[in-house]
C-alpha cells in the first residue's frame, strides 16, 4: 500500500477560502511528487512536478502577502522573510532532487518528508498567526486583492 504524503485537515485552515484552496493545491502537488518518485517515472516528470510546486508556491505566497498587506497585518515583513527563506529552501531541494533523479535514483524519503514538514509547519506556525489576526479584527474569509501580475 502506498502511503500518502499529506492529507488536508480542517485544523490547517486559515479561514480564507482562497488561501485554504491554495494550500490544498500545494498538498496535491507534493502528493504528485511523492507518487512520481515512488513510481519511478523518471527525471523529466519529477522535474515538471518540482517546477509546478515552485511556481505555485510563489503564486500562493504573493496572494497571501496581498491579503496581509490589505488588512495591515503587523507581522507582514517577518512573514515575507519566511516566504523568501522557504523559496530559497525550495530552490535547494529542487536542485538536490534533480541531481538524485539524474542519477537514476528516487528523491530520498528525507527530502519528501522535509517538503511535507515545510508546508505543514509553515501553515501551522506562520499562517495561523495571520489567521488569528484577521479573526481578531473581525475579518472573515476576505477576498484575495487583485495582484500586480507578479504572482510567480
Protein backbone atom coordinates (compact mmCIF):
# COMPACT_ATOMS: atom_id res chain seq x y z
CA UNK A 1 0.00 0.00 0.00
CA UNK A 2 1.30 3.43 -0.95
CA UNK A 3 1.43 5.92 1.88
CA UNK A 4 0.22 9.45 1.31
CA UNK A 5 2.47 12.39 1.88
CA UNK A 6 -0.17 14.85 3.00
CA UNK A 7 -3.77 14.85 3.97
CA UNK A 8 -5.68 18.09 4.38
CA UNK A 9 -7.39 18.65 7.67
CA UNK A 10 -9.64 21.49 8.76
CA UNK A 11 -7.16 22.15 11.58
CA UNK A 12 -4.87 23.61 8.90
CA UNK A 13 -7.49 26.10 7.70
CA UNK A 14 -6.53 29.77 7.89
CA UNK A 15 -10.11 30.97 7.48
CA UNK A 16 -9.55 32.37 4.00
CA UNK A 17 -11.17 30.02 1.50
CA UNK A 18 -8.95 31.02 -1.43
CA UNK A 19 -5.76 30.54 0.60
CA UNK A 20 -7.01 27.23 2.01
CA UNK A 21 -7.64 26.17 -1.59
CA UNK A 22 -4.06 27.20 -2.44
CA UNK A 23 -2.77 25.09 0.45
CA UNK A 24 -4.83 22.13 -0.75
CA UNK A 25 -3.34 22.56 -4.24
CA UNK A 26 0.18 22.57 -2.74
CA UNK A 27 -0.72 19.34 -0.93
CA UNK A 28 -1.82 17.83 -4.26
CA UNK A 29 1.43 18.82 -5.97
CA UNK A 30 3.50 17.31 -3.16
CA UNK A 31 1.45 14.13 -3.41
CA UNK A 32 2.13 14.05 -7.17
CA UNK A 33 5.85 14.41 -6.45
CA UNK A 34 5.73 11.54 -3.99
CA UNK A 35 3.80 9.29 -6.39
CA UNK A 36 6.10 10.21 -9.29
CA UNK A 37 9.21 9.38 -7.29
CA UNK A 38 7.70 6.18 -5.89
CA UNK A 39 6.56 5.03 -9.35
CA UNK A 40 9.98 5.66 -10.86
CA UNK A 41 8.58 7.77 -13.70
CA UNK A 42 11.91 9.39 -14.39
CA UNK A 43 13.68 12.68 -14.04
CA UNK A 44 11.56 14.60 -16.56
CA UNK A 45 8.25 14.02 -14.75
CA UNK A 46 9.81 14.75 -11.37
CA UNK A 47 11.34 17.94 -12.78
CA UNK A 48 7.97 19.09 -14.15
CA UNK A 49 6.30 18.44 -10.81
CA UNK A 50 9.03 20.35 -8.96
CA UNK A 51 8.62 23.28 -11.34
CA UNK A 52 4.88 23.25 -10.72
CA UNK A 53 5.48 23.21 -6.96
CA UNK A 54 7.93 26.10 -7.22
CA UNK A 55 5.64 28.19 -9.45
CA UNK A 56 2.52 27.57 -7.39
CA UNK A 57 4.33 28.27 -4.13
CA UNK A 58 5.42 31.69 -5.41
CA UNK A 59 1.89 32.36 -6.71
CA UNK A 60 0.39 31.42 -3.35
CA UNK A 61 2.87 33.49 -1.34
CA UNK A 62 2.09 36.57 -3.44
CA UNK A 63 -1.65 36.10 -2.87
CA UNK A 64 -1.17 35.55 0.84
CA UNK A 65 1.01 38.66 1.16
CA UNK A 66 -1.63 40.77 -0.61
CA UNK A 67 -4.24 39.68 1.94
CA UNK A 68 -1.90 40.54 4.82
CA UNK A 69 -0.95 43.87 3.27
CA UNK A 70 -4.55 44.87 2.56
CA UNK A 71 -5.54 44.19 6.16
CA UNK A 72 -2.40 45.80 7.59
CA UNK A 73 -1.09 42.66 9.25
CA UNK A 74 1.61 43.95 11.65
CA UNK A 75 3.94 40.99 11.08
CA UNK A 76 3.88 41.22 7.29
CA UNK A 77 7.62 41.81 6.87
CA UNK A 78 8.70 38.86 9.06
CA UNK A 79 6.16 36.69 7.24
CA UNK A 80 7.53 37.81 3.87
CA UNK A 81 11.01 36.94 5.14
CA UNK A 82 9.75 33.44 5.97
CA UNK A 83 8.36 33.16 2.44
CA UNK A 84 11.72 34.22 0.96
CA UNK A 85 13.51 31.70 3.16
CA UNK A 86 11.14 28.93 2.11
CA UNK A 87 11.63 29.76 -1.58
CA UNK A 88 15.41 29.54 -1.10
CA UNK A 89 14.99 26.18 0.65
CA UNK A 90 12.75 25.01 -2.17
CA UNK A 91 15.43 26.07 -4.69
CA UNK A 92 17.99 23.97 -2.81
CA UNK A 93 15.65 20.98 -2.57
CA UNK A 94 14.78 21.25 -6.25
CA UNK A 95 18.48 21.20 -7.16
CA UNK A 96 19.10 18.23 -4.89
CA UNK A 97 16.12 16.21 -6.15
CA UNK A 98 17.04 16.94 -9.77
CA UNK A 99 20.54 15.64 -9.05
CA UNK A 100 19.14 12.48 -7.49
CA UNK A 101 16.75 11.98 -10.41
CA UNK A 102 19.53 12.46 -12.96
CA UNK A 103 21.49 9.74 -11.16
CA UNK A 104 18.52 7.41 -11.68
CA UNK A 105 17.60 7.36 -8.04
CA UNK A 106 14.34 8.38 -6.45
CA UNK A 107 14.18 11.51 -4.32
CA UNK A 108 15.02 10.43 -0.82
CA UNK A 109 12.32 9.96 1.76
CA UNK A 110 14.17 12.58 3.80
CA UNK A 111 13.54 15.20 1.12
CA UNK A 112 9.91 14.23 0.70
CA UNK A 113 9.48 14.33 4.49
CA UNK A 114 11.18 17.72 4.62
CA UNK A 115 8.80 19.13 1.98
CA UNK A 116 5.82 17.81 3.92
CA UNK A 117 7.06 19.32 7.17
CA UNK A 118 7.99 22.51 5.34
CA UNK A 119 4.43 23.04 4.16
CA UNK A 120 2.57 21.89 7.26
CA UNK A 121 4.99 23.68 9.58
CA UNK A 122 4.64 26.96 7.72
CA UNK A 123 0.85 26.78 7.77
CA UNK A 124 0.65 25.84 11.45
CA UNK A 125 3.28 28.25 12.71
CA UNK A 126 3.18 31.31 10.47
CA UNK A 127 -0.10 31.26 8.57
CA UNK A 128 -2.17 30.62 11.66
CA UNK A 129 -0.71 33.82 13.14
CA UNK A 130 -2.26 35.97 10.40
CA UNK A 131 -5.45 33.89 10.58
CA UNK A 132 -5.72 34.77 14.28
CA UNK A 133 -5.06 38.43 13.49
CA UNK A 134 -7.82 38.51 10.85
CA UNK A 135 -10.29 36.89 13.25
CA UNK A 136 -9.39 39.37 15.99
CA UNK A 137 -10.07 42.20 13.54
CA UNK A 138 -13.47 40.72 12.73
CA UNK A 139 -12.39 39.91 9.17
CA UNK A 140 -13.95 36.69 7.94
CA UNK A 141 -12.94 34.98 4.69
CA UNK A 142 -11.63 38.08 2.91
CA UNK A 143 -11.28 38.02 -0.88
CA UNK A 144 -7.83 37.99 -2.45
CA UNK A 145 -6.99 41.53 -3.62
CA UNK A 146 -6.08 41.94 -7.29
CA UNK A 147 -2.42 41.35 -7.97
CA UNK A 148 0.24 43.25 -9.82
CA UNK A 149 0.81 40.47 -12.30
CA UNK A 150 3.93 39.28 -10.48
CA UNK A 151 2.47 36.19 -8.86
CA UNK A 152 5.31 33.92 -9.81
